[in-house]
């Protein structure tokens, strides 16, 4: 299983990918929130019209804000990858802190520092949750499947020690099936060999004829 750092797009394309994804999230979430808010604040009889008007006025703004945040975050993340020459969660944490501080820079140094700390802590929690989730899923996939098989009892047609007939242990093959079938086979082979030897020994060669005149 790939980590969030290795499963993301490469760095130049990552910025555009994150901008589009952040804009989509902001637009969808902002549309739902402002539609409900417009329906709630509109007078009776014009709730649907008020909800749609609130969506048209506010959803693009929320989507644009999310897109700016996502673009800055990806830009800082790619900068950290280029500087540190490696992909790890620290890049995302530093990029989150830098993004929060950069967006609050116009409000003063104190507000920028607080936003930077908040962004770093938030990204640290997100990265930690992702690492824990990947670890749990990896442990579940790597766990071996334990199959509890009970030995076959001797009364159920098995041999001694829970082995079925025909699958006895090597040490017991001579005393069970080997003694019944293998022994008889060897006995037949030895009997045939001895009888053949007796026949050959009892066979006498015919007398050689001579042509001598007596």
Protein backbone atom coordinates (compact mmCIF):
# COMPACT_ATOMS: atom_id res chain seq x y z
CA UNK A 1 0.00 0.00 0.00
CA UNK A 2 1.31 3.37 -1.01
CA UNK A 3 1.67 6.19 1.46
CA UNK A 4 -0.02 9.56 0.82
CA UNK A 5 3.36 10.98 -0.23
CA UNK A 6 4.09 8.29 -2.82
CA UNK A 7 0.53 8.07 -4.21
CA UNK A 8 0.31 11.79 -5.10
CA UNK A 9 1.06 13.37 -8.44
CA UNK A 10 4.62 14.48 -9.22
CA UNK A 11 5.53 17.93 -8.10
CA UNK A 12 4.88 20.20 -11.10
CA UNK A 13 1.49 18.60 -11.78
CA UNK A 14 0.62 18.42 -8.10
CA UNK A 15 -0.06 22.16 -7.89
CA UNK A 16 -2.73 22.15 -10.60
CA UNK A 17 -4.22 18.94 -9.23
CA UNK A 18 -4.56 20.38 -5.74
CA UNK A 19 -5.96 23.67 -7.03
CA UNK A 20 -8.71 21.86 -8.95
CA UNK A 21 -9.51 19.51 -6.09
CA UNK A 22 -9.62 22.29 -3.52
CA UNK A 23 -11.87 24.43 -5.74
CA UNK A 24 -14.27 21.54 -6.23
CA UNK A 25 -14.42 20.81 -2.50
CA UNK A 26 -14.99 24.46 -1.66
CA UNK A 27 -17.64 24.92 -4.34
CA UNK A 28 -19.63 21.82 -3.36
CA UNK A 29 -19.35 22.42 0.38
CA UNK A 30 -20.03 26.15 0.06
CA UNK A 31 -23.05 25.51 -2.15
CA UNK A 32 -24.62 23.17 0.37
CA UNK A 33 -23.89 25.45 3.33
CA UNK A 34 -25.06 28.69 1.73
CA UNK A 35 -28.13 27.08 0.19
CA UNK A 36 -29.32 25.94 3.61
CA UNK A 37 -28.42 29.30 5.08
CA UNK A 38 -30.29 31.16 2.32
CA UNK A 39 -33.36 28.96 2.72
CA UNK A 40 -33.32 29.58 6.47
CA UNK A 41 -32.93 33.36 6.18
CA UNK A 42 -35.42 33.86 3.33
CA UNK A 43 -39.06 34.73 4.00
CA UNK A 44 -41.82 32.18 3.54
CA UNK A 45 -42.72 31.69 -0.13
CA UNK A 46 -39.30 32.69 -1.43
CA UNK A 47 -37.05 30.18 0.35
CA UNK A 48 -36.01 28.31 -2.79
CA UNK A 49 -35.22 31.54 -4.61
CA UNK A 50 -33.24 32.83 -1.62
CA UNK A 51 -31.25 29.59 -1.38
CA UNK A 52 -30.27 29.58 -5.07
CA UNK A 53 -29.34 33.27 -4.94
CA UNK A 54 -27.12 32.66 -1.89
CA UNK A 55 -25.40 29.83 -3.75
CA UNK A 56 -24.69 32.00 -6.80
CA UNK A 57 -23.26 34.77 -4.66
CA UNK A 58 -21.13 32.77 -2.23
CA UNK A 59 -20.21 29.36 -3.73
CA UNK A 60 -17.63 30.75 -6.22
CA UNK A 61 -16.02 32.82 -3.49
CA UNK A 62 -15.68 29.84 -1.17
CA UNK A 63 -14.34 27.69 -4.00
CA UNK A 64 -11.80 30.36 -4.91
CA UNK A 65 -10.62 30.63 -1.30
CA UNK A 66 -10.11 26.87 -1.13
CA UNK A 67 -8.29 26.95 -4.48
CA UNK A 68 -5.90 29.66 -3.22
CA UNK A 69 -5.18 27.67 -0.08
CA UNK A 70 -4.62 24.46 -2.06
CA UNK A 71 -2.36 26.18 -4.58
CA UNK A 72 -0.19 27.79 -1.92
CA UNK A 73 0.02 24.57 0.04
CA UNK A 74 1.14 22.60 -3.03
CA UNK A 75 3.65 25.29 -3.98
CA UNK A 76 5.24 25.24 -0.51
CA UNK A 77 5.12 21.44 -0.49
CA UNK A 78 6.95 21.22 -3.82
CA UNK A 79 9.48 23.77 -2.57
CA UNK A 80 10.21 21.61 0.48
CA UNK A 81 10.55 18.52 -1.70
CA UNK A 82 13.06 20.37 -3.88
CA UNK A 83 15.03 21.65 -0.89
CA UNK A 84 15.04 18.48 1.19
CA UNK A 85 15.20 16.05 -1.75
CA UNK A 86 12.81 13.58 -0.15
CA UNK A 87 9.10 12.94 0.39
CA UNK A 88 7.92 12.63 3.98
CA UNK A 89 5.15 14.04 6.25
CA UNK A 90 7.40 16.90 7.38
CA UNK A 91 7.03 18.52 3.98
CA UNK A 92 3.24 18.70 4.38
CA UNK A 93 3.48 19.97 7.96
CA UNK A 94 5.90 22.76 7.04
CA UNK A 95 3.83 23.60 3.96
CA UNK A 96 0.67 23.87 6.07
CA UNK A 97 2.37 26.20 8.55
CA UNK A 98 3.80 28.35 5.76
CA UNK A 99 0.42 28.56 4.02
CA UNK A 100 -1.39 29.63 7.18
CA UNK A 101 1.21 32.24 7.98
CA UNK A 102 1.30 33.60 4.42
CA UNK A 103 -2.49 34.01 4.18
CA UNK A 104 -2.61 35.95 7.49
CA UNK A 105 0.39 38.13 6.76
CA UNK A 106 -1.71 41.28 6.18
CA UNK A 107 -3.20 41.04 9.69
CA UNK A 108 0.13 41.43 11.44
CA UNK A 109 3.01 39.36 12.67
CA UNK A 110 1.15 37.95 15.68
CA UNK A 111 -1.84 36.79 13.64
CA UNK A 112 0.49 35.33 11.02
CA UNK A 113 2.41 33.37 13.67
CA UNK A 114 -0.80 32.01 15.20
CA UNK A 115 -2.11 30.96 11.81
CA UNK A 116 1.20 29.29 11.03
CA UNK A 117 1.09 27.29 14.27
CA UNK A 118 -2.53 26.34 13.66
CA UNK A 119 -1.79 25.23 10.09
CA UNK A 120 1.21 23.17 11.17
CA UNK A 121 -0.71 21.46 13.98
CA UNK A 122 -3.67 20.76 11.69
CA UNK A 123 -1.48 19.20 9.00
CA UNK A 124 0.40 17.25 11.66
CA UNK A 125 -2.86 15.72 12.91
CA UNK A 126 -3.95 14.89 9.37
CA UNK A 127 -0.62 13.27 8.50
CA UNK A 128 -0.55 11.34 11.78
CA UNK A 129 -4.06 10.01 11.19
CA UNK A 130 -3.09 8.96 7.67
CA UNK A 131 0.03 7.13 8.88
CA UNK A 132 -1.92 5.30 11.59
CA UNK A 133 -4.63 4.30 9.12
CA UNK A 134 -2.07 2.96 6.65
CA UNK A 135 -0.34 1.03 9.42
CA UNK A 136 -3.58 -0.55 10.64
CA UNK A 137 -4.59 -1.54 7.11
CA UNK A 138 -1.12 -2.91 6.40
CA UNK A 139 -1.17 -5.02 9.59
CA UNK A 140 -4.58 -6.43 8.70
CA UNK A 141 -3.42 -7.42 5.23
CA UNK A 142 -0.19 -9.01 6.48
CA UNK A 143 -1.87 -11.14 9.18
CA UNK A 144 -1.74 -14.87 8.29
CA UNK A 145 -5.00 -16.79 8.09
CA UNK A 146 -5.10 -19.37 10.89
CA UNK A 147 -7.08 -22.54 10.06
CA UNK A 148 -7.86 -24.77 13.04
CA UNK A 149 -8.10 -28.34 11.79
CA UNK A 150 -9.02 -31.11 14.21
CA UNK A 151 -7.19 -34.43 13.72
CA UNK A 152 -9.28 -37.28 12.36
CA UNK A 153 -10.06 -39.67 15.23
CA UNK A 154 -9.25 -43.35 15.00
CA UNK A 155 -12.92 -44.36 15.34
CA UNK A 156 -13.82 -42.37 12.20
CA UNK A 157 -11.87 -44.66 9.93
CA UNK A 158 -8.46 -43.20 10.64
CA UNK A 159 -5.27 -44.93 11.51
CA UNK A 160 -3.35 -44.58 14.75
CA UNK A 161 -2.49 -41.02 15.74
CA UNK A 162 -5.36 -39.50 13.74
CA UNK A 163 -3.98 -40.43 10.31
CA UNK A 164 -6.51 -41.73 7.78
CA UNK A 165 -6.16 -45.16 6.28
CA UNK A 166 -3.83 -45.01 3.30
CA UNK A 167 -2.01 -41.93 4.72
CA UNK A 168 -0.13 -43.46 7.63
CA UNK A 169 3.17 -42.11 8.80
CA UNK A 170 6.37 -43.27 7.18
CA UNK A 171 7.48 -45.06 10.32
CA UNK A 172 4.22 -47.04 10.47
CA UNK A 173 3.98 -47.96 6.79
CA UNK A 174 5.85 -51.24 7.39
CA UNK A 175 3.53 -52.30 10.23
CA UNK A 176 0.19 -51.42 8.62
CA UNK A 177 -0.42 -51.28 4.90
CA UNK A 178 3.16 -52.20 4.15
CA UNK A 179 2.76 -55.35 6.24
CA UNK A 180 -0.50 -56.30 4.52
CA UNK A 181 0.09 -55.46 0.89
CA UNK A 182 3.81 -54.83 0.57
CA UNK A 183 4.72 -57.94 2.57
CA UNK A 184 2.52 -60.19 0.47
CA UNK A 185 3.94 -58.68 -2.72
CA UNK A 186 7.48 -59.30 -1.57
CA UNK A 187 6.51 -62.85 -0.52
CA UNK A 188 5.05 -63.57 -3.95
CA UNK A 189 8.16 -62.21 -5.68
CA UNK A 190 10.48 -64.34 -3.50
CA UNK A 191 8.35 -67.48 -4.11
CA UNK A 192 8.42 -66.93 -7.87
CA UNK A 193 12.19 -66.41 -7.84
CA UNK A 194 12.82 -69.59 -5.79
CA UNK A 195 10.57 -71.71 -8.02
CA UNK A 196 12.34 -70.40 -11.11
CA UNK A 197 15.68 -71.28 -9.57
CA UNK A 198 14.50 -74.82 -8.72
CA UNK A 199 13.24 -75.36 -12.25
CA UNK A 200 16.55 -74.23 -13.69
CA UNK A 201 18.50 -76.44 -11.30
CA UNK A 202 16.34 -79.54 -12.01
CA UNK A 203 16.63 -79.14 -15.75
CA UNK A 204 19.28 -81.54 -17.11
CA UNK A 205 20.95 -81.02 -20.45
CA UNK A 206 20.27 -83.79 -23.07
CA UNK A 207 23.11 -86.21 -23.82
CA UNK A 208 25.41 -85.20 -26.62
CA UNK A 209 25.24 -87.79 -29.47
CA UNK A 210 28.49 -89.43 -30.55
CA UNK A 211 29.22 -90.93 -33.92
CA UNK A 212 31.77 -93.51 -32.75
CA UNK A 213 31.22 -97.06 -34.08
CA UNK A 214 31.25 -99.77 -31.49
